[in-house]
């Protein structure tokens, strides 16, 4: 065990500590002096303490056990998402929280990790065999579309889209055939382009369909400022316009900590959560934003290196799923603040306020570190809980 502990990647631990500092100071900047948000940075410290506990516990836990029981974890996760649809609390237009005493848990955040685990469980059994379209790709897509539909019903577009990104990342490394991947990319790109063209050229008809047929008025406030800013209402474009103004005013080095004119006057909604990058951009400028992005880059680079060094099949799959999730959240959150992506309410990993988000992200880092500790062991005699087909190989590939 001591030898395994020595394999812990110190650079990842250091980056997590630095991201924690950035998060706490940024949250304090946008919440100090506000009665309704008093003590938010203290609660964030508490969440990070719990997050580091989860990180170290999962680091020492053999990740292959989680892969073994991915099916049962997935079923449990679907059950929780269904429960949210009936008893979930509504926040910011999305019904996605379950209250436990004074705490609120967001199962849609938790399900990102659950989906990674289950898709890894299925793909490990393929043992690098090419994925067949009808037998593998279609069922895996349906597996991801089930929680996607449940979370869309809850009006949580950001987390729902993350499931699709995770699916695409794992299908790619899961040895999908190039022709199938090419066809899928063409269909996906065509669908996105078709939606954008319909939304911009047939705006009234598209809005009418989304509002009256789909009953998703919330989505209009997300898409209008992104695709048709001139037609967006003042309420819908308020967050995006002020966010871009604040980031632009930061210039090269920023206006100084606690000195941001826009963020300190609270002219951008949800500065402590989804809009936290605005505080960094205005008060620390381009240089501060670049340092943050560099920390993310180093973190992802270290994760990829762990995947490349792993001898077990499941480890790289888990890490690719985690990297896909993180990249999506980073690009979507920052892109939304500068007008390149739609507002979806997704948090900035490790920086935005949120207990469930921090715990899940830290748990993912713990699992990735577990891959580093246990990924060199390819022999495994644990029981196989999933039913095995006659023509399928064993769950783990032996060297």
Foldseek 3Di string as FASTA:
>chain_A
DVVLVVLFDPLLVVLLVVLLVQQLLLLCLLCPPPPVCPCLSVVSVVLVVVLVVLLQVLLPPQLVVLLLCLVVLLVVLLVVLVVLVPQFDDDPQFRAWDDDPPDTAGSLLVVLLSLLSPLLSVLLLQVLDEADVPPGVVVNVVSLVSVLVSRVVRVQNLSSVLSVLLSLLLNVVSHYDPVVNVVVVVVVVVVVVVVLCCCQVVVVVVQCCCCPVVVNNVVCLFVCCQRPVVPHDCVSCQQQVLLQVQLVQLAAAAPARSRRPSSVVPSHPQCQWLSVVSSQSHHGNPVSVVVVVVSVVVSLVVLVVLLVPFPKSSLVSLSSSLSSSLVSLQCQSVCCNNSNHTDRRRGNQSNHRDSNRSNSNSSSSSNSSSCSSCRHDQDDDDDRPDDDDPPTDDSIDDD
